[in-house]
N, C-alpha and C. Protein backbone atom coordinates (compact mmCIF):
# COMPACT_ATOMS: atom_id res chain seq x y z
N MET A 1 16.20 -12.02 19.75
CA MET A 1 16.68 -10.81 19.09
C MET A 1 18.19 -10.93 18.88
N SER A 2 18.61 -10.40 17.76
CA SER A 2 20.03 -10.48 17.43
C SER A 2 20.76 -9.23 17.96
N ARG A 3 22.05 -9.27 17.88
CA ARG A 3 22.85 -8.11 18.30
C ARG A 3 22.55 -6.90 17.44
N LYS A 4 22.24 -7.15 16.18
CA LYS A 4 21.90 -6.07 15.26
C LYS A 4 20.63 -5.35 15.73
N ASP A 5 19.65 -6.12 16.18
CA ASP A 5 18.40 -5.53 16.69
C ASP A 5 18.67 -4.68 17.93
N PHE A 6 19.50 -5.20 18.82
CA PHE A 6 19.82 -4.44 20.04
C PHE A 6 20.59 -3.18 19.71
N ALA A 7 21.45 -3.23 18.70
CA ALA A 7 22.21 -2.05 18.28
C ALA A 7 21.26 -0.97 17.75
N ALA A 8 20.27 -1.39 16.99
CA ALA A 8 19.29 -0.44 16.45
C ALA A 8 18.47 0.20 17.57
N ILE A 9 18.10 -0.61 18.55
CA ILE A 9 17.34 -0.09 19.69
C ILE A 9 18.19 0.89 20.50
N ASP A 10 19.45 0.54 20.73
CA ASP A 10 20.35 1.43 21.45
C ASP A 10 20.54 2.76 20.72
N ALA A 11 20.64 2.70 19.39
CA ALA A 11 20.80 3.93 18.61
C ALA A 11 19.56 4.81 18.73
N ALA A 12 18.38 4.19 18.68
CA ALA A 12 17.13 4.95 18.82
C ALA A 12 17.02 5.58 20.20
N ILE A 13 17.41 4.85 21.21
CA ILE A 13 17.37 5.38 22.58
C ILE A 13 18.34 6.54 22.73
N ASP A 14 19.55 6.38 22.17
CA ASP A 14 20.55 7.46 22.24
C ASP A 14 20.03 8.71 21.55
N TYR A 15 19.43 8.56 20.36
CA TYR A 15 18.92 9.71 19.64
C TYR A 15 17.80 10.38 20.42
N THR A 16 16.89 9.58 20.98
CA THR A 16 15.77 10.13 21.75
C THR A 16 16.28 10.88 22.97
N ALA A 17 17.26 10.33 23.63
CA ALA A 17 17.81 10.98 24.82
C ALA A 17 18.53 12.27 24.46
N ASP A 18 19.15 12.31 23.28
CA ASP A 18 19.94 13.48 22.88
C ASP A 18 19.25 14.36 21.85
N ARG A 19 17.96 14.17 21.64
CA ARG A 19 17.31 14.90 20.56
C ARG A 19 17.29 16.41 20.79
N HIS A 20 17.44 16.84 22.04
CA HIS A 20 17.50 18.28 22.28
C HIS A 20 18.70 18.90 21.59
N LYS A 21 19.73 18.10 21.30
CA LYS A 21 20.89 18.59 20.57
C LYS A 21 20.51 18.98 19.14
N TYR A 22 19.51 18.30 18.59
CA TYR A 22 19.13 18.50 17.20
C TYR A 22 17.93 19.43 17.03
N SER A 23 17.33 19.84 18.11
CA SER A 23 16.13 20.65 18.01
C SER A 23 16.46 22.12 17.78
N THR A 24 15.48 22.84 17.27
CA THR A 24 15.63 24.27 17.05
C THR A 24 14.42 24.98 17.64
N HIS A 25 14.60 26.20 18.02
CA HIS A 25 13.51 27.00 18.56
C HIS A 25 12.82 27.72 17.41
N LYS A 26 11.52 27.54 17.33
CA LYS A 26 10.73 28.15 16.26
C LYS A 26 9.46 28.75 16.84
N THR A 27 8.74 29.47 16.01
CA THR A 27 7.46 30.05 16.38
C THR A 27 6.39 29.46 15.46
N CYS A 28 5.30 29.02 16.03
CA CYS A 28 4.19 28.42 15.29
C CYS A 28 3.60 29.46 14.33
N VAL A 29 3.40 29.07 13.06
CA VAL A 29 2.85 29.99 12.07
C VAL A 29 1.35 30.19 12.24
N VAL A 30 0.71 29.35 13.03
CA VAL A 30 -0.74 29.46 13.24
C VAL A 30 -1.07 30.30 14.46
N CYS A 31 -0.51 29.92 15.61
CA CYS A 31 -0.90 30.58 16.86
C CYS A 31 0.19 31.51 17.42
N GLY A 32 1.40 31.43 16.88
CA GLY A 32 2.47 32.32 17.33
C GLY A 32 3.19 31.85 18.59
N THR A 33 2.90 30.65 19.05
CA THR A 33 3.53 30.12 20.26
C THR A 33 4.94 29.64 19.94
N PRO A 34 5.92 30.01 20.76
CA PRO A 34 7.26 29.44 20.55
C PRO A 34 7.26 27.96 20.92
N PHE A 35 8.00 27.15 20.15
CA PHE A 35 8.09 25.73 20.44
C PHE A 35 9.46 25.21 20.01
N GLU A 36 9.80 24.03 20.53
CA GLU A 36 11.06 23.39 20.19
C GLU A 36 10.79 22.34 19.12
N ALA A 37 11.31 22.56 17.92
CA ALA A 37 11.06 21.68 16.80
C ALA A 37 12.16 20.64 16.67
N ILE A 38 11.76 19.40 16.54
CA ILE A 38 12.71 18.33 16.31
C ILE A 38 13.10 18.31 14.83
N ARG A 39 12.12 18.48 13.96
CA ARG A 39 12.37 18.50 12.52
C ARG A 39 12.71 19.92 12.07
N SER A 40 13.59 20.03 11.12
CA SER A 40 14.00 21.36 10.65
C SER A 40 12.91 22.04 9.84
N ASP A 41 11.98 21.27 9.26
CA ASP A 41 10.92 21.86 8.45
C ASP A 41 9.60 22.05 9.21
N ALA A 42 9.60 21.87 10.51
CA ALA A 42 8.38 22.03 11.31
C ALA A 42 7.94 23.49 11.30
N GLU A 43 6.64 23.72 11.16
CA GLU A 43 6.10 25.07 11.15
C GLU A 43 5.01 25.29 12.18
N VAL A 44 4.43 24.20 12.69
CA VAL A 44 3.35 24.30 13.66
C VAL A 44 3.73 23.59 14.95
N CYS A 45 3.13 24.05 16.05
CA CYS A 45 3.52 23.54 17.36
C CYS A 45 2.78 22.30 17.80
N SER A 46 1.62 22.02 17.20
CA SER A 46 0.81 20.90 17.68
C SER A 46 -0.11 20.39 16.58
N HIS A 47 -0.74 19.25 16.85
CA HIS A 47 -1.72 18.70 15.92
C HIS A 47 -2.91 19.65 15.78
N LYS A 48 -3.26 20.29 16.86
CA LYS A 48 -4.38 21.25 16.84
C LYS A 48 -4.11 22.36 15.82
N CYS A 49 -2.90 22.89 15.82
CA CYS A 49 -2.56 23.95 14.88
C CYS A 49 -2.45 23.42 13.45
N THR A 50 -2.03 22.17 13.30
CA THR A 50 -2.00 21.55 11.97
C THR A 50 -3.41 21.50 11.40
N GLN A 51 -4.38 21.11 12.23
CA GLN A 51 -5.78 21.05 11.80
C GLN A 51 -6.32 22.44 11.48
N ARG A 52 -6.02 23.41 12.32
CA ARG A 52 -6.48 24.78 12.06
C ARG A 52 -5.96 25.30 10.74
N ARG A 53 -4.68 25.03 10.49
CA ARG A 53 -4.06 25.48 9.25
C ARG A 53 -4.72 24.82 8.05
N TYR A 54 -4.97 23.53 8.12
CA TYR A 54 -5.62 22.81 7.03
C TYR A 54 -7.03 23.37 6.78
N ARG A 55 -7.78 23.55 7.85
CA ARG A 55 -9.16 24.04 7.70
C ARG A 55 -9.20 25.45 7.11
N LYS A 56 -8.22 26.26 7.47
CA LYS A 56 -8.16 27.62 6.93
C LYS A 56 -7.86 27.58 5.43
N ARG A 57 -6.92 26.71 5.02
CA ARG A 57 -6.61 26.54 3.60
C ARG A 57 -7.83 26.01 2.85
N LEU A 58 -8.52 25.05 3.44
CA LEU A 58 -9.70 24.47 2.82
C LEU A 58 -10.79 25.52 2.64
N GLN A 59 -11.01 26.33 3.67
CA GLN A 59 -12.03 27.38 3.60
C GLN A 59 -11.69 28.39 2.50
N ALA A 60 -10.42 28.76 2.38
CA ALA A 60 -10.01 29.70 1.34
C ALA A 60 -10.21 29.10 -0.04
N ARG A 61 -9.87 27.82 -0.20
CA ARG A 61 -10.05 27.17 -1.50
C ARG A 61 -11.52 27.09 -1.87
N LEU A 62 -12.37 26.75 -0.92
CA LEU A 62 -13.81 26.66 -1.19
C LEU A 62 -14.38 28.03 -1.55
N ALA A 63 -13.90 29.07 -0.90
CA ALA A 63 -14.36 30.42 -1.21
C ALA A 63 -13.97 30.81 -2.64
N LEU A 64 -12.75 30.46 -3.06
CA LEU A 64 -12.33 30.76 -4.44
C LEU A 64 -13.16 29.98 -5.45
N GLU A 65 -13.42 28.72 -5.14
CA GLU A 65 -14.24 27.91 -6.04
C GLU A 65 -15.65 28.45 -6.15
N ALA A 66 -16.21 28.91 -5.04
CA ALA A 66 -17.57 29.48 -5.06
C ALA A 66 -17.60 30.78 -5.87
N ALA A 67 -16.57 31.60 -5.71
CA ALA A 67 -16.50 32.85 -6.47
C ALA A 67 -16.38 32.57 -7.96
N ALA A 68 -15.60 31.57 -8.32
CA ALA A 68 -15.45 31.21 -9.74
C ALA A 68 -16.77 30.68 -10.29
N ALA A 69 -17.48 29.90 -9.51
CA ALA A 69 -18.77 29.37 -9.95
C ALA A 69 -19.78 30.49 -10.14
N ARG A 70 -19.79 31.46 -9.21
CA ARG A 70 -20.71 32.60 -9.35
C ARG A 70 -20.39 33.41 -10.60
N GLU A 71 -19.10 33.63 -10.85
CA GLU A 71 -18.70 34.39 -12.03
C GLU A 71 -19.10 33.65 -13.31
N GLU A 72 -18.92 32.35 -13.32
CA GLU A 72 -19.30 31.55 -14.48
C GLU A 72 -20.81 31.60 -14.71
N LEU A 73 -21.58 31.56 -13.64
CA LEU A 73 -23.03 31.64 -13.74
C LEU A 73 -23.46 33.01 -14.25
N ASP A 74 -22.82 34.07 -13.74
CA ASP A 74 -23.13 35.42 -14.21
C ASP A 74 -22.84 35.57 -15.70
N ASN A 75 -21.71 35.02 -16.13
CA ASN A 75 -21.34 35.10 -17.54
C ASN A 75 -22.31 34.32 -18.41
N ALA A 76 -22.78 33.19 -17.91
CA ALA A 76 -23.72 32.37 -18.68
C ALA A 76 -25.08 33.05 -18.81
N THR A 77 -25.51 33.78 -17.79
CA THR A 77 -26.82 34.42 -17.83
C THR A 77 -26.79 35.71 -18.67
N ARG A 78 -25.64 36.31 -18.84
CA ARG A 78 -25.52 37.53 -19.64
C ARG A 78 -25.59 37.25 -21.12
N HIS A 79 -25.20 36.08 -21.55
CA HIS A 79 -25.13 35.76 -22.99
C HIS A 79 -26.32 35.02 -23.44
């Protein structure tokens, strides 16, 4: 390994050790649990909540698609 590689590793270790300096306190949009976010755009506290959020969006989209299909079928049978 070169000195450049060691410098990169040292920088990563320093950031990991000091990441609390960069974190912000947020509240999960899914479950409402307070959490410490490393990324500024984080909205969920865990992978579990990420999955719940996705499944909820998917369920809503499928419901809209089903309603549109029913309306299209109703319109087709009326004419």
